[in-house]
Amino acid sequence: MKKLGILGGTFDPIHNGHVYLANAAYEDLGLDEVLLIPAYVAPHKVGLDFAPAKDRYLMAMLATREYPYMKVSDIEINRTGVSYTYDTIMELKKQYPDYEFYFIVGGDTVPQLPSWHNIDALLEMVTFVAVGRPGYTDVINKAAAKLGPIVYEKVRMLHAEEFSVSSTKIRNRIRQRRSLIGLVPEIVQEYIYVNGLYHSNSATLKVVDDGTWDLDDVGM
């Protein structure tokens, strides 16, 4: 059976850390493909501001174009609303019936898994691949204390070198008109500045608590 890696996120913007993570999982797990899925809005980020979904999707496409085994899916963007992983996996099972699913997360996400929507069903459908330094094993124990022994089977640690970069740091550098060299692919940096993303006068989509979206001329 083929192996599909899945890396979800806001990708606001996508950066070299995301690409590194996808590539590390691809190599270490012997994946056939890695699917990057920009969220319309992540469940834990309702109420925050984001660059328009179209821009985040296009930046992901640009960042991965040199990697033939990486693809970008608009499945959550097209669905709109809050992007629950369970709903996405249910759709992907129809599109990839002959694949095993490996959902890639950061090691610090593992203790949060018990709060995920329909996590018990998700653990039956995917193997979570948590990327973290040696010593992160304790996070699996914390998740198992709430979810049971299935965690030891369905959550695997992938020990990759740390890549210290965040989208928040990148957005701050953009507002300061500082270089993004080494943080994002060069073509993504060009896209950001050509389209005026993340500046105080750039239009961003704002998610409000009732689930509706407004286009506001606000900063991030």
N, C-alpha and C. Protein backbone atom coordinates (compact mmCIF):
# COMPACT_ATOMS: atom_id res chain seq x y z
N MET A 1 0.85 -1.20 0.00
CA MET A 1 0.00 0.00 0.00
C MET A 1 0.88 1.25 0.00
N LYS A 2 0.49 2.25 -0.77
CA LYS A 2 1.26 3.48 -0.85
C LYS A 2 1.08 4.31 0.43
N LYS A 3 2.03 5.23 0.63
CA LYS A 3 2.02 6.06 1.82
C LYS A 3 1.87 7.53 1.44
N LEU A 4 0.89 8.19 2.06
CA LEU A 4 0.64 9.60 1.82
C LEU A 4 0.92 10.39 3.09
N GLY A 5 1.85 11.34 2.99
CA GLY A 5 2.08 12.25 4.11
C GLY A 5 1.17 13.45 3.96
N ILE A 6 0.66 13.95 5.07
CA ILE A 6 -0.26 15.09 5.05
C ILE A 6 0.26 16.14 6.03
N LEU A 7 0.46 17.34 5.51
CA LEU A 7 0.92 18.45 6.35
C LEU A 7 -0.07 19.59 6.21
N GLY A 8 -0.82 19.83 7.27
CA GLY A 8 -1.81 20.89 7.26
C GLY A 8 -1.31 22.10 8.03
N GLY A 9 -1.96 23.23 7.81
CA GLY A 9 -1.58 24.42 8.54
C GLY A 9 -2.13 25.67 7.89
N THR A 10 -2.00 26.77 8.57
CA THR A 10 -2.45 28.04 8.03
C THR A 10 -1.53 28.51 6.90
N PHE A 11 -0.22 28.20 7.04
CA PHE A 11 0.77 28.59 6.03
C PHE A 11 0.66 30.09 5.73
N ASP A 12 0.87 30.88 6.79
CA ASP A 12 0.60 32.32 6.69
C ASP A 12 1.83 33.16 7.08
N PRO A 13 2.91 33.15 6.29
CA PRO A 13 3.05 32.44 5.01
C PRO A 13 3.76 31.10 5.20
N ILE A 14 3.75 30.29 4.15
CA ILE A 14 4.54 29.08 4.16
C ILE A 14 6.01 29.47 4.22
N HIS A 15 6.84 28.67 4.93
CA HIS A 15 8.25 29.02 5.06
C HIS A 15 9.13 27.77 4.90
N ASN A 16 10.41 27.97 4.98
CA ASN A 16 11.35 26.87 4.76
C ASN A 16 11.21 25.77 5.79
N GLY A 17 10.73 26.12 6.98
CA GLY A 17 10.50 25.10 8.00
C GLY A 17 9.43 24.11 7.58
N HIS A 18 8.37 24.60 6.94
CA HIS A 18 7.32 23.72 6.46
C HIS A 18 7.86 22.76 5.39
N VAL A 19 8.64 23.31 4.47
CA VAL A 19 9.20 22.49 3.39
C VAL A 19 10.17 21.47 3.96
N TYR A 20 10.97 21.90 4.92
CA TYR A 20 11.93 21.00 5.58
C TYR A 20 11.19 19.85 6.27
N LEU A 21 10.11 20.18 6.96
CA LEU A 21 9.32 19.18 7.67
C LEU A 21 8.74 18.14 6.71
N ALA A 22 8.18 18.61 5.61
CA ALA A 22 7.60 17.72 4.62
C ALA A 22 8.67 16.82 4.01
N ASN A 23 9.83 17.39 3.74
CA ASN A 23 10.90 16.62 3.13
C ASN A 23 11.48 15.59 4.10
N ALA A 24 11.62 15.97 5.38
CA ALA A 24 12.14 15.04 6.39
C ALA A 24 11.23 13.84 6.55
N ALA A 25 9.93 14.08 6.59
CA ALA A 25 8.98 12.98 6.71
C ALA A 25 9.00 12.10 5.46
N TYR A 26 9.10 12.73 4.30
CA TYR A 26 9.15 11.99 3.04
C TYR A 26 10.33 11.03 3.02
N GLU A 27 11.49 11.52 3.41
CA GLU A 27 12.69 10.69 3.36
C GLU A 27 12.70 9.62 4.45
N ASP A 28 12.36 9.99 5.67
CA ASP A 28 12.48 9.05 6.79
C ASP A 28 11.40 7.97 6.78
N LEU A 29 10.22 8.29 6.27
CA LEU A 29 9.12 7.32 6.28
C LEU A 29 8.95 6.61 4.94
N GLY A 30 9.72 7.02 3.95
CA GLY A 30 9.58 6.41 2.63
C GLY A 30 8.21 6.67 2.02
N LEU A 31 7.75 7.92 2.14
CA LEU A 31 6.43 8.27 1.63
C LEU A 31 6.44 8.33 0.10
N ASP A 32 5.29 8.09 -0.50
CA ASP A 32 5.16 8.23 -1.95
C ASP A 32 4.84 9.66 -2.34
N GLU A 33 4.06 10.34 -1.51
CA GLU A 33 3.69 11.73 -1.77
C GLU A 33 3.53 12.45 -0.43
N VAL A 34 3.67 13.77 -0.48
CA VAL A 34 3.33 14.61 0.67
C VAL A 34 2.34 15.66 0.19
N LEU A 35 1.22 15.73 0.87
CA LEU A 35 0.15 16.66 0.50
C LEU A 35 0.11 17.79 1.51
N LEU A 36 0.35 19.01 1.05
CA LEU A 36 0.24 20.18 1.92
C LEU A 36 -1.16 20.77 1.77
N ILE A 37 -1.82 21.03 2.90
CA ILE A 37 -3.20 21.48 2.87
C ILE A 37 -3.37 22.78 3.65
N PRO A 38 -3.39 23.92 2.96
CA PRO A 38 -3.65 25.19 3.65
C PRO A 38 -5.07 25.20 4.22
N ALA A 39 -5.19 25.57 5.48
CA ALA A 39 -6.50 25.64 6.12
C ALA A 39 -7.23 26.91 5.73
N TYR A 40 -8.55 26.81 5.60
CA TYR A 40 -9.33 28.04 5.43
C TYR A 40 -9.24 28.84 6.72
N VAL A 41 -9.51 28.15 7.83
CA VAL A 41 -9.21 28.70 9.15
C VAL A 41 -9.05 27.52 10.10
N ALA A 42 -7.92 27.48 10.79
CA ALA A 42 -7.67 26.41 11.75
C ALA A 42 -8.58 26.58 12.96
N PRO A 43 -9.05 25.46 13.56
CA PRO A 43 -9.98 25.55 14.70
C PRO A 43 -9.45 26.39 15.86
N HIS A 44 -8.12 26.36 16.09
CA HIS A 44 -7.56 27.10 17.22
C HIS A 44 -7.22 28.54 16.87
N LYS A 45 -7.56 28.97 15.64
CA LYS A 45 -7.22 30.35 15.24
C LYS A 45 -8.44 31.15 14.80
N VAL A 46 -9.62 30.69 15.18
CA VAL A 46 -10.83 31.46 14.89
C VAL A 46 -10.75 32.81 15.59
N GLY A 47 -11.04 33.86 14.87
CA GLY A 47 -10.98 35.20 15.44
C GLY A 47 -9.71 35.96 15.10
N LEU A 48 -8.76 35.28 14.47
CA LEU A 48 -7.51 35.93 14.10
C LEU A 48 -7.54 36.36 12.63
N ASP A 49 -6.56 37.15 12.24
CA ASP A 49 -6.47 37.64 10.87
C ASP A 49 -5.50 36.78 10.06
N PHE A 50 -5.82 36.61 8.79
CA PHE A 50 -4.96 35.85 7.90
C PHE A 50 -4.88 36.55 6.55
N ALA A 51 -3.81 36.23 5.82
CA ALA A 51 -3.78 36.62 4.42
C ALA A 51 -4.89 35.86 3.71
N PRO A 52 -5.42 36.39 2.61
CA PRO A 52 -6.49 35.69 1.88
C PRO A 52 -6.09 34.26 1.54
N ALA A 53 -7.06 33.36 1.59
CA ALA A 53 -6.80 31.95 1.34
C ALA A 53 -6.14 31.72 -0.01
N LYS A 54 -6.56 32.49 -1.03
CA LYS A 54 -5.99 32.33 -2.36
C LYS A 54 -4.48 32.57 -2.34
N ASP A 55 -4.05 33.60 -1.62
CA ASP A 55 -2.62 33.92 -1.56
C ASP A 55 -1.85 32.85 -0.80
N ARG A 56 -2.40 32.36 0.27
CA ARG A 56 -1.71 31.32 1.04
C ARG A 56 -1.58 30.04 0.23
N TYR A 57 -2.61 29.73 -0.55
CA TYR A 57 -2.57 28.56 -1.42
C TYR A 57 -1.51 28.73 -2.51
N LEU A 58 -1.48 29.89 -3.16
CA LEU A 58 -0.53 30.13 -4.24
C LEU A 58 0.91 30.13 -3.72
N MET A 59 1.12 30.69 -2.53
CA MET A 59 2.47 30.67 -1.96
C MET A 59 2.93 29.24 -1.69
N ALA A 60 2.01 28.39 -1.23
CA ALA A 60 2.35 26.98 -1.01
C ALA A 60 2.70 26.30 -2.33
N MET A 61 1.98 26.63 -3.37
CA MET A 61 2.27 26.07 -4.69
C MET A 61 3.67 26.49 -5.15
N LEU A 62 4.00 27.75 -4.95
CA LEU A 62 5.31 28.25 -5.36
C LEU A 62 6.43 27.61 -4.54
N ALA A 63 6.22 27.46 -3.25
CA ALA A 63 7.26 26.93 -2.36
C ALA A 63 7.60 25.48 -2.65
N THR A 64 6.66 24.73 -3.20
CA THR A 64 6.86 23.29 -3.39
C THR A 64 7.05 22.89 -4.85
N ARG A 65 7.15 23.85 -5.73
CA ARG A 65 7.16 23.51 -7.16
C ARG A 65 8.41 22.74 -7.58
N GLU A 66 9.49 22.83 -6.80
CA GLU A 66 10.70 22.11 -7.14
C GLU A 66 10.73 20.70 -6.55
N TYR A 67 9.68 20.31 -5.87
CA TYR A 67 9.62 19.00 -5.24
C TYR A 67 8.47 18.21 -5.87
N PRO A 68 8.77 17.32 -6.81
CA PRO A 68 7.71 16.62 -7.55
C PRO A 68 6.83 15.74 -6.68
N TYR A 69 7.31 15.34 -5.52
CA TYR A 69 6.52 14.49 -4.63
C TYR A 69 5.64 15.30 -3.67
N MET A 70 5.75 16.61 -3.71
CA MET A 70 4.89 17.45 -2.88
C MET A 70 3.78 18.05 -3.72
N LYS A 71 2.56 17.96 -3.20
CA LYS A 71 1.41 18.55 -3.86
C LYS A 71 0.67 19.44 -2.87
N VAL A 72 -0.07 20.39 -3.39
CA VAL A 72 -0.84 21.29 -2.54
C VAL A 72 -2.32 21.09 -2.84
N SER A 73 -3.10 20.88 -1.81
CA SER A 73 -4.54 20.64 -1.97
C SER A 73 -5.35 21.85 -1.51
N ASP A 74 -6.40 22.16 -2.27
CA ASP A 74 -7.30 23.25 -1.88
C ASP A 74 -8.57 22.71 -1.23
N ILE A 75 -8.51 21.50 -0.72
CA ILE A 75 -9.69 20.83 -0.18
C ILE A 75 -10.33 21.61 0.98
N GLU A 76 -9.52 22.18 1.86
CA GLU A 76 -10.07 22.92 3.00
C GLU A 76 -10.47 24.33 2.60
N ILE A 77 -9.73 24.93 1.69
CA ILE A 77 -10.08 26.26 1.22
C ILE A 77 -11.42 26.24 0.49
N ASN A 78 -11.63 25.22 -0.33
CA ASN A 78 -12.90 25.11 -1.06
C ASN A 78 -14.07 24.80 -0.14
N ARG A 79 -13.79 24.08 0.94
CA ARG A 79 -14.87 23.72 1.87
C ARG A 79 -15.28 24.93 2.71
N THR A 80 -14.36 25.86 2.91
CA THR A 80 -14.55 27.07 3.72
C THR A 80 -14.90 26.69 5.16
N GLY A 81 -15.17 27.68 5.98
CA GLY A 81 -15.49 27.43 7.37
C GLY A 81 -14.27 26.94 8.15
N VAL A 82 -14.50 26.45 9.36
CA VAL A 82 -13.43 25.93 10.20
C VAL A 82 -12.92 24.62 9.61
N SER A 83 -11.61 24.49 9.50
CA SER A 83 -11.00 23.33 8.84
C SER A 83 -10.67 22.24 9.86
N TYR A 84 -11.61 21.33 10.06
CA TYR A 84 -11.37 20.21 10.97
C TYR A 84 -10.66 19.08 10.24
N THR A 85 -9.59 18.56 10.85
CA THR A 85 -8.81 17.50 10.24
C THR A 85 -9.66 16.27 9.97
N TYR A 86 -10.59 15.97 10.86
CA TYR A 86 -11.44 14.79 10.66
C TYR A 86 -12.21 14.88 9.35
N ASP A 87 -12.80 16.04 9.07
CA ASP A 87 -13.57 16.21 7.83
C ASP A 87 -12.66 16.06 6.61
N THR A 88 -11.45 16.58 6.72
CA THR A 88 -10.50 16.50 5.61
C THR A 88 -10.09 15.06 5.34
N ILE A 89 -9.79 14.33 6.39
CA ILE A 89 -9.38 12.93 6.22
C ILE A 89 -10.50 12.10 5.62
N MET A 90 -11.72 12.37 6.02
CA MET A 90 -12.85 11.63 5.45
C MET A 90 -12.94 11.86 3.94
N GLU A 91 -12.67 13.09 3.49
CA GLU A 91 -12.69 13.37 2.06
C GLU A 91 -11.49 12.74 1.35
N LEU A 92 -10.33 12.79 1.99
CA LEU A 92 -9.13 12.24 1.37
C LEU A 92 -9.20 10.72 1.22
N LYS A 93 -9.90 10.07 2.13
CA LYS A 93 -10.04 8.62 2.03
C LYS A 93 -10.74 8.23 0.72
N LYS A 94 -11.62 9.09 0.25
CA LYS A 94 -12.29 8.82 -1.02
C LYS A 94 -11.36 9.08 -2.20
N GLN A 95 -10.50 10.08 -2.06
CA GLN A 95 -9.59 10.43 -3.15
C GLN A 95 -8.37 9.52 -3.22
N TYR A 96 -7.95 9.00 -2.07
CA TYR A 96 -6.76 8.15 -2.00
C TYR A 96 -7.11 6.82 -1.31
N PRO A 97 -7.93 6.00 -1.95
CA PRO A 97 -8.40 4.77 -1.29
C PRO A 97 -7.31 3.73 -1.05
N ASP A 98 -6.22 3.81 -1.79
CA ASP A 98 -5.17 2.80 -1.68
C ASP A 98 -3.94 3.30 -0.93
N TYR A 99 -4.12 4.30 -0.10
CA TYR A 99 -2.99 4.89 0.63
C TYR A 99 -3.16 4.75 2.13
N GLU A 100 -2.02 4.61 2.82
CA GLU A 100 -1.97 4.79 4.26
C GLU A 100 -1.68 6.26 4.52
N PHE A 101 -2.30 6.83 5.54
CA PHE A 101 -2.16 8.25 5.82
C PHE A 101 -1.23 8.49 7.01
N TYR A 102 -0.30 9.43 6.81
CA TYR A 102 0.62 9.84 7.87
C TYR A 102 0.47 11.35 8.04
N PHE A 103 -0.09 11.75 9.16
CA PHE A 103 -0.37 13.17 9.41
C PHE A 103 0.78 13.77 10.20
N ILE A 104 1.44 14.76 9.60
CA ILE A 104 2.67 15.33 10.14
C ILE A 104 2.36 16.52 11.05
N VAL A 105 2.87 16.48 12.27
CA VAL A 105 2.66 17.57 13.23
C VAL A 105 3.97 17.86 13.96
N GLY A 106 4.02 18.99 14.63
CA GLY A 106 5.16 19.29 15.48
C GLY A 106 5.05 18.54 16.80
N GLY A 107 6.17 18.28 17.42
CA GLY A 107 6.15 17.53 18.68
C GLY A 107 5.32 18.20 19.76
N ASP A 108 5.28 19.54 19.75
CA ASP A 108 4.51 20.26 20.77
C ASP A 108 3.01 20.15 20.56
N THR A 109 2.59 19.58 19.42
CA THR A 109 1.16 19.42 19.14
C THR A 109 0.60 18.15 19.79
N VAL A 110 1.46 17.19 20.06
CA VAL A 110 0.99 15.89 20.56
C VAL A 110 0.16 16.00 21.85
N PRO A 111 0.58 16.78 22.85
CA PRO A 111 -0.24 16.87 24.06
C PRO A 111 -1.62 17.49 23.80
N GLN A 112 -1.76 18.19 22.67
CA GLN A 112 -3.05 18.82 22.34
C GLN A 112 -4.01 17.88 21.61
N LEU A 113 -3.51 16.73 21.16
CA LEU A 113 -4.33 15.83 20.37
C LEU A 113 -5.65 15.43 21.06
N PRO A 114 -5.67 15.22 22.38
CA PRO A 114 -6.95 14.85 23.01
C PRO A 114 -8.07 15.87 22.78
N SER A 115 -7.73 17.12 22.47
CA SER A 115 -8.75 18.14 22.26
C SER A 115 -9.20 18.23 20.80
N TRP A 116 -8.59 17.46 19.90
CA TRP A 116 -8.94 17.54 18.49
C TRP A 116 -10.32 16.95 18.23
N HIS A 117 -11.01 17.51 17.28
CA HIS A 117 -12.34 17.08 16.90
C HIS A 117 -12.30 15.63 16.41
N ASN A 118 -13.09 14.75 17.04
CA ASN A 118 -13.18 13.33 16.68
C ASN A 118 -11.82 12.65 16.66
N ILE A 119 -11.01 12.90 17.68
CA ILE A 119 -9.66 12.37 17.71
C ILE A 119 -9.64 10.84 17.76
N ASP A 120 -10.59 10.22 18.43
CA ASP A 120 -10.61 8.76 18.49
C ASP A 120 -10.75 8.14 17.10
N ALA A 121 -11.62 8.73 16.29
CA ALA A 121 -11.79 8.25 14.92
C ALA A 121 -10.55 8.54 14.09
N LEU A 122 -9.94 9.70 14.31
CA LEU A 122 -8.73 10.05 13.57
C LEU A 122 -7.60 9.06 13.84
N LEU A 123 -7.45 8.65 15.09
CA LEU A 123 -6.39 7.70 15.43
C LEU A 123 -6.58 6.36 14.74
N GLU A 124 -7.80 6.05 14.39
CA GLU A 124 -8.07 4.81 13.65
C GLU A 124 -7.71 4.97 12.17
N MET A 125 -7.77 6.19 11.66
CA MET A 125 -7.61 6.41 10.23
C MET A 125 -6.21 6.85 9.81
N VAL A 126 -5.46 7.49 10.72
CA VAL A 126 -4.14 8.00 10.34
C VAL A 126 -3.11 7.64 11.41
N THR A 127 -1.86 7.67 11.00
CA THR A 127 -0.74 7.62 11.94
C THR A 127 -0.18 9.03 12.05
N PHE A 128 -0.13 9.54 13.26
CA PHE A 128 0.44 10.86 13.46
C PHE A 128 1.97 10.75 13.53
N VAL A 129 2.63 11.61 12.81
CA VAL A 129 4.09 11.66 12.81
C VAL A 129 4.49 12.99 13.45
N ALA A 130 5.02 12.91 14.64
CA ALA A 130 5.38 14.11 15.39
C ALA A 130 6.87 14.36 15.26
N VAL A 131 7.23 15.52 14.79
CA VAL A 131 8.63 15.87 14.60
C VAL A 131 9.12 16.62 15.82
N GLY A 132 10.16 16.08 16.45
CA GLY A 132 10.69 16.73 17.63
C GLY A 132 12.05 16.17 18.00
N ARG A 133 12.70 16.85 18.88
CA ARG A 133 14.02 16.44 19.33
C ARG A 133 13.91 15.25 20.28
N PRO A 134 15.01 14.48 20.44
CA PRO A 134 15.01 13.42 21.45
C PRO A 134 14.65 14.00 22.81
N GLY A 135 13.84 13.30 23.55
CA GLY A 135 13.36 13.84 24.82
C GLY A 135 11.91 14.23 24.73
N TYR A 136 11.38 14.30 23.50
CA TYR A 136 9.98 14.62 23.30
C TYR A 136 9.08 13.42 23.55
N THR A 137 9.68 12.26 23.84
CA THR A 137 8.89 11.05 24.05
C THR A 137 7.84 11.25 25.13
N ASP A 138 8.14 12.07 26.11
CA ASP A 138 7.22 12.29 27.22
C ASP A 138 5.89 12.87 26.73
N VAL A 139 5.89 13.58 25.61
CA VAL A 139 4.63 14.15 25.12
C VAL A 139 3.68 13.04 24.68
N ILE A 140 4.24 11.93 24.22
CA ILE A 140 3.39 10.79 23.85
C ILE A 140 2.76 10.19 25.10
N ASN A 141 3.53 10.10 26.16
CA ASN A 141 2.98 9.58 27.42
C ASN A 141 1.83 10.44 27.91
N LYS A 142 1.97 11.76 27.75
CA LYS A 142 0.91 12.67 28.20
C LYS A 142 -0.36 12.45 27.37
N ALA A 143 -0.20 12.27 26.06
CA ALA A 143 -1.36 12.03 25.22
C ALA A 143 -2.00 10.68 25.52
N ALA A 144 -1.15 9.67 25.78
CA ALA A 144 -1.66 8.33 26.07
C ALA A 144 -2.44 8.29 27.38
N ALA A 145 -2.08 9.16 28.32
CA ALA A 145 -2.78 9.20 29.60
C ALA A 145 -4.25 9.57 29.41
N LYS A 146 -4.55 10.30 28.32
CA LYS A 146 -5.93 10.71 28.06
C LYS A 146 -6.60 9.88 26.96
N LEU A 147 -5.80 9.40 26.01
CA LEU A 147 -6.39 8.73 24.85
C LEU A 147 -6.22 7.21 24.89
N GLY A 148 -5.38 6.72 25.79
CA GLY A 148 -5.21 5.28 25.90
C GLY A 148 -4.01 4.76 25.13
N PRO A 149 -3.76 3.46 25.20
CA PRO A 149 -2.56 2.85 24.61
C PRO A 149 -2.47 2.93 23.10
N ILE A 150 -3.58 3.21 22.42
CA ILE A 150 -3.53 3.33 20.96
C ILE A 150 -2.53 4.41 20.53
N VAL A 151 -2.26 5.38 21.41
CA VAL A 151 -1.32 6.45 21.10
C VAL A 151 0.06 5.88 20.80
N TYR A 152 0.46 4.85 21.53
CA TYR A 152 1.80 4.29 21.32
C TYR A 152 1.92 3.62 19.96
N GLU A 153 0.81 3.23 19.40
CA GLU A 153 0.81 2.60 18.08
C GLU A 153 0.64 3.63 16.97
N LYS A 154 -0.17 4.66 17.22
CA LYS A 154 -0.57 5.56 16.15
C LYS A 154 0.08 6.95 16.20
N VAL A 155 0.99 7.16 17.13
CA VAL A 155 1.75 8.41 17.17
C VAL A 155 3.23 8.05 17.18
N ARG A 156 3.93 8.46 16.14
CA ARG A 156 5.35 8.15 16.00
C ARG A 156 6.18 9.43 16.06
N MET A 157 7.34 9.32 16.69
CA MET A 157 8.24 10.46 16.76
C MET A 157 9.25 10.37 15.64
N LEU A 158 9.44 11.45 14.94
CA LEU A 158 10.44 11.57 13.88
C LEU A 158 11.48 12.58 14.34
N HIS A 159 12.64 12.10 14.67
CA HIS A 159 13.66 12.99 15.23
C HIS A 159 14.43 13.68 14.11
N ALA A 160 14.06 14.91 13.84
CA ALA A 160 14.71 15.71 12.81
C ALA A 160 15.40 16.89 13.47
N GLU A 161 16.37 17.45 12.79
CA GLU A 161 17.05 18.62 13.32
C GLU A 161 16.06 19.78 13.45
N GLU A 162 16.28 20.58 14.46
CA GLU A 162 15.38 21.71 14.70
C GLU A 162 15.57 22.79 13.64
N PHE A 163 14.45 23.30 13.15
CA PHE A 163 14.47 24.39 12.17
C PHE A 163 13.70 25.54 12.80
N SER A 164 14.45 26.49 13.35
CA SER A 164 13.83 27.55 14.14
C SER A 164 13.35 28.70 13.26
N VAL A 165 12.10 28.65 12.89
CA VAL A 165 11.48 29.72 12.11
C VAL A 165 9.98 29.64 12.34
N SER A 166 9.32 30.77 12.31
CA SER A 166 7.87 30.78 12.49
C SER A 166 7.25 31.81 11.56
N SER A 167 6.00 31.59 11.21
CA SER A 167 5.29 32.54 10.36
C SER A 167 5.15 33.89 11.06
N THR A 168 4.98 33.87 12.37
CA THR A 168 4.87 35.13 13.13
C THR A 168 6.15 35.95 12.99
N LYS A 169 7.29 35.29 13.13
CA LYS A 169 8.58 35.97 12.99
C LYS A 169 8.71 36.57 11.59
N ILE A 170 8.28 35.82 10.60
CA ILE A 170 8.38 36.28 9.22
C ILE A 170 7.50 37.50 8.99
N ARG A 171 6.27 37.46 9.50
CA ARG A 171 5.37 38.61 9.32
C ARG A 171 5.94 39.85 9.99
N ASN A 172 6.58 39.68 11.15
CA ASN A 172 7.20 40.82 11.82
C ASN A 172 8.33 41.40 10.99
N ARG A 173 9.12 40.55 10.38
CA ARG A 173 10.23 41.02 9.56
C ARG A 173 9.71 41.76 8.32
N ILE A 174 8.59 41.30 7.79
CA ILE A 174 8.01 41.98 6.62
C ILE A 174 7.58 43.39 6.99
N ARG A 175 6.94 43.55 8.15
CA ARG A 175 6.51 44.87 8.58
C ARG A 175 7.71 45.80 8.82
N GLN A 176 8.84 45.19 9.18
CA GLN A 176 10.05 45.96 9.40
C GLN A 176 10.87 46.14 8.13
N ARG A 177 10.33 45.63 7.00
CA ARG A 177 11.01 45.71 5.71
C ARG A 177 12.37 45.02 5.75
N ARG A 178 12.47 43.92 6.45
CA ARG A 178 13.72 43.19 6.56
C ARG A 178 13.72 42.00 5.61
N SER A 179 14.91 41.51 5.30
CA SER A 179 15.06 40.41 4.35
C SER A 179 14.48 39.11 4.91
N LEU A 180 13.98 38.28 4.01
CA LEU A 180 13.46 36.96 4.38
C LEU A 180 14.37 35.84 3.87
N ILE A 181 15.58 36.19 3.46
CA ILE A 181 16.51 35.19 2.93
C ILE A 181 16.77 34.11 3.97
N GLY A 182 16.61 32.86 3.57
CA GLY A 182 16.82 31.73 4.47
C GLY A 182 15.58 31.34 5.26
N LEU A 183 14.56 32.18 5.22
CA LEU A 183 13.33 31.90 5.96
C LEU A 183 12.22 31.37 5.07
N VAL A 184 12.12 31.93 3.87
CA VAL A 184 11.12 31.48 2.91
C VAL A 184 11.81 31.29 1.56
N PRO A 185 11.26 30.46 0.69
CA PRO A 185 11.82 30.37 -0.66
C PRO A 185 11.83 31.74 -1.31
N GLU A 186 12.84 32.01 -2.11
CA GLU A 186 12.99 33.33 -2.72
C GLU A 186 11.75 33.74 -3.51
N ILE A 187 11.13 32.78 -4.20
CA ILE A 187 9.96 33.10 -5.00
C ILE A 187 8.76 33.47 -4.13
N VAL A 188 8.71 32.93 -2.91
CA VAL A 188 7.65 33.29 -1.97
C VAL A 188 7.88 34.70 -1.45
N GLN A 189 9.12 35.04 -1.14
CA GLN A 189 9.42 36.40 -0.72
C GLN A 189 9.01 37.40 -1.78
N GLU A 190 9.30 37.08 -3.04
CA GLU A 190 8.93 37.99 -4.14
C GLU A 190 7.42 38.14 -4.21
N TYR A 191 6.70 37.02 -4.05
CA TYR A 191 5.23 37.07 -4.11
C TYR A 191 4.68 37.96 -2.99
N ILE A 192 5.24 37.83 -1.81
CA ILE A 192 4.76 38.60 -0.66
C ILE A 192 4.91 40.10 -0.91
N TYR A 193 6.07 40.52 -1.38
CA TYR A 193 6.32 41.95 -1.55
C TYR A 193 5.62 42.52 -2.78
N VAL A 194 5.53 41.73 -3.84
CA VAL A 194 4.82 42.19 -5.04
C VAL A 194 3.35 42.41 -4.74
N ASN A 195 2.77 41.55 -3.91
CA ASN A 195 1.35 41.63 -3.61
C ASN A 195 1.04 42.40 -2.32
N GLY A 196 2.05 42.94 -1.69
CA GLY A 196 1.84 43.78 -0.51
C GLY A 196 1.24 43.06 0.67
N LEU A 197 1.57 41.79 0.86
CA LEU A 197 1.00 41.03 1.98
C LEU A 197 1.67 41.39 3.30
N TYR A 198 0.87 41.39 4.35
CA TYR A 198 1.33 41.52 5.73
C TYR A 198 1.80 42.92 6.12
N HIS A 199 1.58 43.91 5.26
CA HIS A 199 1.90 45.27 5.65
C HIS A 199 0.67 45.90 6.30
N SER A 200 0.84 47.03 6.94
CA SER A 200 -0.27 47.66 7.67
C SER A 200 -1.40 48.09 6.75
N ASN A 201 -1.10 48.26 5.46
CA ASN A 201 -2.15 48.70 4.54
C ASN A 201 -2.59 47.59 3.59
N SER A 202 -2.26 46.34 3.93
CA SER A 202 -2.65 45.24 3.05
C SER A 202 -3.97 44.65 3.51
N ALA A 203 -4.77 44.23 2.56
CA ALA A 203 -6.07 43.64 2.87
C ALA A 203 -5.89 42.21 3.34
N THR A 204 -6.51 41.88 4.46
CA THR A 204 -6.46 40.51 4.98
C THR A 204 -7.87 40.06 5.30
N LEU A 205 -8.04 38.76 5.33
CA LEU A 205 -9.33 38.21 5.70
C LEU A 205 -9.39 38.05 7.21
N LYS A 206 -10.47 38.50 7.79
CA LYS A 206 -10.62 38.39 9.23
C LYS A 206 -11.74 37.40 9.54
N VAL A 207 -11.43 36.42 10.39
CA VAL A 207 -12.41 35.44 10.81
C VAL A 207 -13.04 35.90 12.10
N VAL A 208 -14.33 36.03 12.12
CA VAL A 208 -15.01 36.44 13.34
C VAL A 208 -15.67 35.23 13.97
N ASP A 209 -16.05 35.35 15.23
CA ASP A 209 -16.47 34.19 15.99
C ASP A 209 -17.72 33.50 15.46
N ASP A 210 -18.53 34.18 14.67
CA ASP A 210 -19.73 33.53 14.16
C ASP A 210 -19.45 32.72 12.90
N GLY A 211 -18.17 32.64 12.51
CA GLY A 211 -17.80 31.81 11.37
C GLY A 211 -17.87 32.52 10.03
N THR A 212 -18.27 33.81 10.01
CA THR A 212 -18.34 34.54 8.75
C THR A 212 -17.01 35.22 8.48
N TRP A 213 -16.82 35.62 7.23
CA TRP A 213 -15.57 36.24 6.83
C TRP A 213 -15.81 37.64 6.29
N ASP A 214 -14.96 38.57 6.67
CA ASP A 214 -15.02 39.93 6.14
C ASP A 214 -13.68 40.29 5.54
N LEU A 215 -13.70 41.09 4.50
CA LEU A 215 -12.47 41.58 3.91
C LEU A 215 -12.22 42.97 4.46
N ASP A 216 -11.22 43.09 5.31
CA ASP A 216 -10.94 44.35 5.98
C ASP A 216 -9.56 44.86 5.61
N ASP A 217 -9.41 46.16 5.59
CA ASP A 217 -8.11 46.77 5.33
C ASP A 217 -7.43 46.97 6.68
N VAL A 218 -6.90 45.87 7.20
CA VAL A 218 -6.31 45.90 8.53
C VAL A 218 -4.94 45.25 8.49
N GLY A 219 -4.12 45.54 9.48
CA GLY A 219 -2.80 44.95 9.55
C GLY A 219 -2.84 43.65 10.32
N MET A 220 -1.71 42.93 10.25
CA MET A 220 -1.62 41.66 10.96
C MET A 220 -0.76 41.79 12.18
